[in-house]
Protein backbone atom coordinates (compact mmCIF):
# COMPACT_ATOMS: atom_id res chain seq x y z
CA UNK A 1 57.17 43.31 -21.72
CA UNK A 2 54.67 46.11 -21.53
CA UNK A 3 53.77 47.59 -18.16
CA UNK A 4 50.14 48.59 -17.61
CA UNK A 5 49.37 51.44 -15.26
CA UNK A 6 46.64 50.44 -12.81
CA UNK A 7 46.61 53.65 -10.79
CA UNK A 8 49.11 56.40 -10.07
CA UNK A 9 52.23 54.70 -8.75
CA UNK A 10 50.92 51.16 -9.42
CA UNK A 11 52.03 49.18 -12.46
CA UNK A 12 51.36 45.61 -13.62
CA UNK A 13 52.76 43.23 -16.24
CA UNK A 14 51.04 40.62 -18.35
CA UNK A 15 51.71 37.06 -17.17
CA UNK A 16 51.53 33.94 -19.31
CA UNK A 17 50.84 30.33 -18.34
CA UNK A 18 51.65 27.12 -20.19
CA UNK A 19 48.12 27.13 -21.61
CA UNK A 20 48.92 30.39 -23.43
CA UNK A 21 52.00 28.96 -25.15
CA UNK A 22 51.87 26.36 -27.89
CA UNK A 23 54.57 24.41 -29.69
CA UNK A 24 53.79 23.49 -33.27
CA UNK A 25 55.40 20.43 -34.83
CA UNK A 26 57.70 20.97 -37.76
CA UNK A 27 56.70 19.96 -41.25
CA UNK A 28 60.14 18.44 -41.73
CA UNK A 29 61.19 15.26 -39.94
CA UNK A 30 64.61 15.36 -38.29
CA UNK A 31 66.95 12.42 -38.18
CA UNK A 32 68.08 11.46 -34.65
CA UNK A 33 71.70 11.70 -35.82
CA UNK A 34 71.14 15.40 -36.74
CA UNK A 35 69.68 16.41 -33.37
CA UNK A 36 71.34 16.63 -29.97
CA UNK A 37 69.36 16.97 -26.74
CA UNK A 38 72.50 17.23 -24.63
CA UNK A 39 72.83 20.32 -22.47
CA UNK A 40 75.54 21.77 -20.30
CA UNK A 41 76.06 24.06 -17.35
CA UNK A 42 79.57 25.47 -17.20
CA UNK A 43 81.90 22.45 -17.53
CA UNK A 44 79.21 19.83 -16.73
CA UNK A 45 77.50 18.09 -19.66
CA UNK A 46 74.24 16.16 -19.39
CA UNK A 47 72.86 13.67 -21.87
CA UNK A 48 69.56 11.89 -22.21
CA UNK A 49 68.20 11.07 -18.73
């Protein structure tokens, strides 16, 4: 990230919200058998809620 100097000794960073970020769909369709939405933290695995 780039810091912007506001005044001597004061700096600021650019912030982004969800409105600034977009997710574009893929042109290629994925088969459900090829994709996994499981996730894990350490030894704990989580599947589809």
